[in-house]
Amino acid sequence: VIAGTLAGLVGTVLAGSEPGFALGAGLIVGTAAGAVAVRPRASYLIIPVPALAYVVAAVVAGYIHDHALDTSRTALAVGLTQWVAGGFLIMIAATLLAVTIAAFRWLGSRHTVL
């Protein structure tokens, strides 16, 4: 999840844009890869990671993009709120993806033949 989010962060910074499509795409791909990469019984540990990763990456990308916010804490707080809120649906989608993959993997691991 972290690697996918970092790839999206780099794409966002290189494009010189606010947090958006590149960061969201990286998060979705990273979440899918992370949920499949862990052991089936531990896949529930991935569930909270997408939202946390997006918040951190959006703050970093937004701060790099908007240098004008260095002047006031109020402007920084407003910008931070907008960057995080702009990715709310992406965070929900990535979290639901993690829950779905974790549930299917957990249920599949319960019915293995010994």
N, C-alpha and C. Protein backbone atom coordinates (compact mmCIF):
# COMPACT_ATOMS: atom_id res chain seq x y z
N VAL A 1 0.84 -1.19 0.00
CA VAL A 1 0.00 0.00 0.00
C VAL A 1 0.88 1.24 0.00
N ILE A 2 1.90 1.22 0.81
CA ILE A 2 2.79 2.38 0.91
C ILE A 2 3.53 2.60 -0.40
N ALA A 3 4.00 1.54 -1.03
CA ALA A 3 4.72 1.69 -2.30
C ALA A 3 3.83 2.26 -3.39
N GLY A 4 2.60 1.78 -3.48
CA GLY A 4 1.66 2.32 -4.47
C GLY A 4 1.34 3.78 -4.20
N THR A 5 1.16 4.12 -2.94
CA THR A 5 0.86 5.51 -2.59
C THR A 5 2.06 6.41 -2.87
N LEU A 6 3.26 5.92 -2.59
CA LEU A 6 4.46 6.70 -2.91
C LEU A 6 4.60 6.91 -4.41
N ALA A 7 4.28 5.90 -5.20
CA ALA A 7 4.32 6.06 -6.66
C ALA A 7 3.31 7.11 -7.10
N GLY A 8 2.12 7.10 -6.53
CA GLY A 8 1.12 8.12 -6.83
C GLY A 8 1.55 9.50 -6.38
N LEU A 9 2.22 9.56 -5.24
CA LEU A 9 2.74 10.83 -4.73
C LEU A 9 3.79 11.40 -5.67
N VAL A 10 4.70 10.57 -6.12
CA VAL A 10 5.73 11.01 -7.05
C VAL A 10 5.10 11.49 -8.35
N GLY A 11 4.13 10.75 -8.86
CA GLY A 11 3.43 11.18 -10.07
C GLY A 11 2.72 12.50 -9.90
N THR A 12 2.11 12.71 -8.75
CA THR A 12 1.41 13.96 -8.47
C THR A 12 2.39 15.12 -8.39
N VAL A 13 3.50 14.91 -7.69
CA VAL A 13 4.50 15.98 -7.55
C VAL A 13 5.15 16.31 -8.89
N LEU A 14 5.49 15.28 -9.67
CA LEU A 14 6.11 15.52 -10.97
C LEU A 14 5.15 16.21 -11.94
N ALA A 15 3.86 15.94 -11.81
CA ALA A 15 2.87 16.59 -12.66
C ALA A 15 2.61 18.03 -12.21
N GLY A 16 3.01 18.34 -10.99
CA GLY A 16 2.81 19.69 -10.48
C GLY A 16 1.36 19.99 -10.18
N SER A 17 0.61 18.97 -9.81
CA SER A 17 -0.82 19.18 -9.57
C SER A 17 -1.15 18.92 -8.10
N GLU A 18 -2.38 19.25 -7.76
CA GLU A 18 -2.86 18.95 -6.41
C GLU A 18 -3.14 17.45 -6.32
N PRO A 19 -3.26 16.93 -5.10
CA PRO A 19 -3.57 15.51 -4.96
C PRO A 19 -4.86 15.16 -5.71
N GLY A 20 -4.80 14.08 -6.47
CA GLY A 20 -5.96 13.73 -7.28
C GLY A 20 -5.82 12.36 -7.89
N PHE A 21 -5.92 12.30 -9.22
CA PHE A 21 -6.00 11.03 -9.93
C PHE A 21 -4.76 10.15 -9.73
N ALA A 22 -3.58 10.69 -9.91
CA ALA A 22 -2.36 9.88 -9.81
C ALA A 22 -2.21 9.29 -8.41
N LEU A 23 -2.47 10.10 -7.42
CA LEU A 23 -2.36 9.62 -6.04
C LEU A 23 -3.43 8.57 -5.76
N GLY A 24 -4.64 8.80 -6.22
CA GLY A 24 -5.72 7.83 -6.03
C GLY A 24 -5.46 6.52 -6.74
N ALA A 25 -4.96 6.59 -7.97
CA ALA A 25 -4.66 5.37 -8.72
C ALA A 25 -3.56 4.56 -8.02
N GLY A 26 -2.54 5.26 -7.56
CA GLY A 26 -1.47 4.58 -6.83
C GLY A 26 -1.99 3.91 -5.56
N LEU A 27 -2.90 4.59 -4.88
CA LEU A 27 -3.47 4.04 -3.66
C LEU A 27 -4.29 2.78 -3.95
N ILE A 28 -5.12 2.82 -4.98
CA ILE A 28 -5.96 1.66 -5.32
C ILE A 28 -5.09 0.46 -5.72
N VAL A 29 -4.12 0.70 -6.59
CA VAL A 29 -3.24 -0.40 -7.03
C VAL A 29 -2.43 -0.94 -5.85
N GLY A 30 -1.91 -0.04 -5.02
CA GLY A 30 -1.14 -0.47 -3.85
C GLY A 30 -1.97 -1.24 -2.86
N THR A 31 -3.22 -0.84 -2.68
CA THR A 31 -4.10 -1.54 -1.76
C THR A 31 -4.39 -2.95 -2.26
N ALA A 32 -4.68 -3.08 -3.53
CA ALA A 32 -4.94 -4.41 -4.10
C ALA A 32 -3.70 -5.30 -3.96
N ALA A 33 -2.54 -4.77 -4.28
CA ALA A 33 -1.31 -5.55 -4.18
C ALA A 33 -1.00 -5.91 -2.73
N GLY A 34 -1.19 -4.96 -1.83
CA GLY A 34 -0.90 -5.22 -0.42
C GLY A 34 -1.85 -6.24 0.19
N ALA A 35 -3.12 -6.16 -0.18
CA ALA A 35 -4.10 -7.09 0.38
C ALA A 35 -3.88 -8.51 -0.12
N VAL A 36 -3.33 -8.65 -1.31
CA VAL A 36 -3.05 -9.97 -1.86
C VAL A 36 -1.70 -10.50 -1.37
N ALA A 37 -0.78 -9.61 -1.04
CA ALA A 37 0.57 -10.01 -0.68
C ALA A 37 0.69 -10.59 0.73
N VAL A 38 -0.18 -10.20 1.63
CA VAL A 38 -0.07 -10.70 3.01
C VAL A 38 -0.73 -12.06 3.16
N ARG A 39 -0.42 -12.73 4.27
CA ARG A 39 -1.05 -14.02 4.54
C ARG A 39 -2.56 -13.86 4.64
N PRO A 40 -3.33 -14.83 4.18
CA PRO A 40 -4.80 -14.70 4.22
C PRO A 40 -5.35 -14.40 5.61
N ARG A 41 -4.82 -15.02 6.63
CA ARG A 41 -5.31 -14.80 7.99
C ARG A 41 -4.91 -13.43 8.55
N ALA A 42 -3.94 -12.76 7.94
CA ALA A 42 -3.50 -11.45 8.40
C ALA A 42 -3.96 -10.32 7.47
N SER A 43 -4.77 -10.63 6.49
CA SER A 43 -5.16 -9.61 5.51
C SER A 43 -6.02 -8.51 6.11
N TYR A 44 -6.63 -8.75 7.25
CA TYR A 44 -7.41 -7.69 7.90
C TYR A 44 -6.54 -6.53 8.36
N LEU A 45 -5.25 -6.76 8.52
CA LEU A 45 -4.33 -5.70 8.95
C LEU A 45 -4.17 -4.60 7.91
N ILE A 46 -4.50 -4.89 6.66
CA ILE A 46 -4.38 -3.91 5.57
C ILE A 46 -5.53 -2.90 5.60
N ILE A 47 -6.64 -3.23 6.21
CA ILE A 47 -7.86 -2.42 6.12
C ILE A 47 -7.67 -0.95 6.50
N PRO A 48 -7.01 -0.58 7.59
CA PRO A 48 -6.89 0.85 7.92
C PRO A 48 -5.80 1.59 7.15
N VAL A 49 -4.94 0.88 6.48
CA VAL A 49 -3.77 1.50 5.86
C VAL A 49 -4.09 2.45 4.70
N PRO A 50 -5.02 2.15 3.79
CA PRO A 50 -5.25 3.06 2.66
C PRO A 50 -5.62 4.49 3.07
N ALA A 51 -6.50 4.63 4.03
CA ALA A 51 -6.91 5.98 4.44
C ALA A 51 -5.75 6.73 5.07
N LEU A 52 -5.00 6.06 5.91
CA LEU A 52 -3.85 6.73 6.55
C LEU A 52 -2.79 7.10 5.53
N ALA A 53 -2.53 6.20 4.60
CA ALA A 53 -1.52 6.48 3.57
C ALA A 53 -1.94 7.64 2.69
N TYR A 54 -3.23 7.70 2.33
CA TYR A 54 -3.70 8.80 1.48
C TYR A 54 -3.59 10.13 2.20
N VAL A 55 -3.96 10.18 3.47
CA VAL A 55 -3.91 11.44 4.21
C VAL A 55 -2.49 11.98 4.25
N VAL A 56 -1.54 11.12 4.56
CA VAL A 56 -0.14 11.57 4.63
C VAL A 56 0.35 12.02 3.26
N ALA A 57 0.09 11.23 2.23
CA ALA A 57 0.56 11.57 0.89
C ALA A 57 -0.13 12.82 0.35
N ALA A 58 -1.41 13.00 0.63
CA ALA A 58 -2.12 14.18 0.16
C ALA A 58 -1.58 15.44 0.82
N VAL A 59 -1.26 15.36 2.09
CA VAL A 59 -0.69 16.52 2.79
C VAL A 59 0.67 16.87 2.20
N VAL A 60 1.49 15.87 1.97
CA VAL A 60 2.82 16.13 1.40
C VAL A 60 2.71 16.70 -0.01
N ALA A 61 1.89 16.08 -0.85
CA ALA A 61 1.73 16.55 -2.23
C ALA A 61 1.13 17.95 -2.27
N GLY A 62 0.13 18.18 -1.45
CA GLY A 62 -0.50 19.50 -1.42
C GLY A 62 0.45 20.57 -0.91
N TYR A 63 1.22 20.25 0.09
CA TYR A 63 2.17 21.21 0.64
C TYR A 63 3.26 21.56 -0.39
N ILE A 64 3.71 20.56 -1.12
CA ILE A 64 4.71 20.81 -2.17
C ILE A 64 4.10 21.64 -3.29
N HIS A 65 2.85 21.37 -3.64
CA HIS A 65 2.21 22.06 -4.75
C HIS A 65 1.89 23.52 -4.41
N ASP A 66 1.43 23.80 -3.22
CA ASP A 66 0.99 25.15 -2.84
C ASP A 66 1.98 25.80 -1.88
N HIS A 67 3.03 26.36 -2.43
CA HIS A 67 4.03 27.04 -1.60
C HIS A 67 3.48 28.32 -0.97
N ALA A 68 2.41 28.88 -1.50
CA ALA A 68 1.85 30.11 -0.97
C ALA A 68 1.25 29.91 0.42
N LEU A 69 1.02 28.69 0.82
CA LEU A 69 0.42 28.42 2.11
C LEU A 69 1.41 28.54 3.27
N ASP A 70 2.67 28.80 2.95
CA ASP A 70 3.68 28.93 3.99
C ASP A 70 3.46 30.18 4.85
N THR A 71 2.65 31.10 4.38
CA THR A 71 2.52 32.39 5.05
C THR A 71 1.59 32.36 6.25
N SER A 72 0.62 31.49 6.29
CA SER A 72 -0.36 31.52 7.37
C SER A 72 -0.78 30.12 7.77
N ARG A 73 -0.98 29.93 9.05
CA ARG A 73 -1.45 28.64 9.55
C ARG A 73 -2.88 28.38 9.14
N THR A 74 -3.66 29.44 9.05
CA THR A 74 -5.06 29.29 8.64
C THR A 74 -5.15 28.80 7.20
N ALA A 75 -4.35 29.39 6.33
CA ALA A 75 -4.34 28.95 4.93
C ALA A 75 -3.86 27.51 4.82
N LEU A 76 -2.89 27.14 5.63
CA LEU A 76 -2.40 25.76 5.62
C LEU A 76 -3.49 24.80 6.10
N ALA A 77 -4.23 25.18 7.13
CA ALA A 77 -5.31 24.33 7.64
C ALA A 77 -6.42 24.16 6.61
N VAL A 78 -6.76 25.25 5.93
CA VAL A 78 -7.80 25.17 4.90
C VAL A 78 -7.33 24.29 3.74
N GLY A 79 -6.09 24.48 3.32
CA GLY A 79 -5.54 23.67 2.24
C GLY A 79 -5.49 22.20 2.62
N LEU A 80 -5.07 21.91 3.84
CA LEU A 80 -4.98 20.53 4.32
C LEU A 80 -6.36 19.88 4.29
N THR A 81 -7.37 20.61 4.73
CA THR A 81 -8.74 20.09 4.72
C THR A 81 -9.21 19.79 3.31
N GLN A 82 -8.90 20.67 2.38
CA GLN A 82 -9.32 20.47 0.99
C GLN A 82 -8.60 19.29 0.35
N TRP A 83 -7.31 19.14 0.62
CA TRP A 83 -6.56 18.04 0.03
C TRP A 83 -7.08 16.69 0.51
N VAL A 84 -7.35 16.60 1.81
CA VAL A 84 -7.82 15.34 2.36
C VAL A 84 -9.27 15.07 1.93
N ALA A 85 -10.10 16.10 1.96
CA ALA A 85 -11.50 15.92 1.56
C ALA A 85 -11.63 15.57 0.08
N GLY A 86 -10.73 16.08 -0.74
CA GLY A 86 -10.76 15.77 -2.16
C GLY A 86 -10.54 14.30 -2.46
N GLY A 87 -9.92 13.58 -1.57
CA GLY A 87 -9.67 12.16 -1.77
C GLY A 87 -10.55 11.26 -0.95
N PHE A 88 -11.63 11.80 -0.39
CA PHE A 88 -12.49 11.03 0.48
C PHE A 88 -13.07 9.81 -0.22
N LEU A 89 -13.58 9.99 -1.42
CA LEU A 89 -14.17 8.85 -2.14
C LEU A 89 -13.11 7.81 -2.52
N ILE A 90 -11.91 8.27 -2.84
CA ILE A 90 -10.82 7.33 -3.14
C ILE A 90 -10.47 6.53 -1.89
N MET A 91 -10.42 7.20 -0.74
CA MET A 91 -10.12 6.49 0.51
C MET A 91 -11.19 5.44 0.81
N ILE A 92 -12.45 5.80 0.59
CA ILE A 92 -13.54 4.85 0.81
C ILE A 92 -13.40 3.66 -0.14
N ALA A 93 -13.15 3.94 -1.42
CA ALA A 93 -13.02 2.87 -2.41
C ALA A 93 -11.86 1.93 -2.07
N ALA A 94 -10.73 2.50 -1.69
CA ALA A 94 -9.55 1.68 -1.36
C ALA A 94 -9.81 0.86 -0.09
N THR A 95 -10.46 1.45 0.88
CA THR A 95 -10.77 0.71 2.12
C THR A 95 -11.76 -0.42 1.84
N LEU A 96 -12.79 -0.14 1.04
CA LEU A 96 -13.74 -1.20 0.67
C LEU A 96 -13.07 -2.31 -0.12
N LEU A 97 -12.12 -1.94 -0.98
CA LEU A 97 -11.36 -2.94 -1.73
C LEU A 97 -10.56 -3.82 -0.76
N ALA A 98 -9.92 -3.20 0.21
CA ALA A 98 -9.15 -3.96 1.21
C ALA A 98 -10.06 -4.88 2.02
N VAL A 99 -11.23 -4.39 2.41
CA VAL A 99 -12.17 -5.21 3.18
C VAL A 99 -12.65 -6.40 2.34
N THR A 100 -12.97 -6.15 1.08
CA THR A 100 -13.46 -7.21 0.20
C THR A 100 -12.41 -8.28 -0.02
N ILE A 101 -11.20 -7.86 -0.34
CA ILE A 101 -10.12 -8.83 -0.57
C ILE A 101 -9.82 -9.60 0.71
N ALA A 102 -9.77 -8.89 1.84
CA ALA A 102 -9.50 -9.56 3.12
C ALA A 102 -10.58 -10.58 3.44
N ALA A 103 -11.83 -10.23 3.21
CA ALA A 103 -12.94 -11.15 3.51
C ALA A 103 -12.87 -12.39 2.62
N PHE A 104 -12.65 -12.21 1.33
CA PHE A 104 -12.57 -13.36 0.43
C PHE A 104 -11.37 -14.24 0.75
N ARG A 105 -10.25 -13.63 1.07
CA ARG A 105 -9.06 -14.42 1.39
C ARG A 105 -9.24 -15.15 2.71
N TRP A 106 -9.86 -14.49 3.69
CA TRP A 106 -10.08 -15.14 4.98
C TRP A 106 -11.05 -16.31 4.84
N LEU A 107 -12.14 -16.08 4.12
CA LEU A 107 -13.11 -17.16 3.91
C LEU A 107 -12.50 -18.30 3.09
N GLY A 108 -11.66 -17.97 2.11
CA GLY A 108 -11.00 -19.00 1.32
C GLY A 108 -10.00 -19.80 2.12
N SER A 109 -9.35 -19.18 3.10
CA SER A 109 -8.36 -19.91 3.90
C SER A 109 -9.04 -20.84 4.90
N ARG A 110 -10.30 -20.61 5.21
CA ARG A 110 -11.01 -21.47 6.15
C ARG A 110 -11.41 -22.80 5.51
N HIS A 111 -11.48 -22.82 4.18
CA HIS A 111 -11.96 -24.01 3.49
C HIS A 111 -10.86 -24.72 2.71
N THR A 112 -9.64 -24.63 3.21
CA THR A 112 -8.55 -25.32 2.52
C THR A 112 -8.55 -26.80 2.88
N VAL A 113 -8.13 -27.60 1.95
CA VAL A 113 -8.05 -29.05 2.16
C VAL A 113 -6.69 -29.38 2.73
N LEU A 114 -6.67 -30.17 3.79
CA LEU A 114 -5.40 -30.53 4.41
C LEU A 114 -4.86 -31.78 3.84
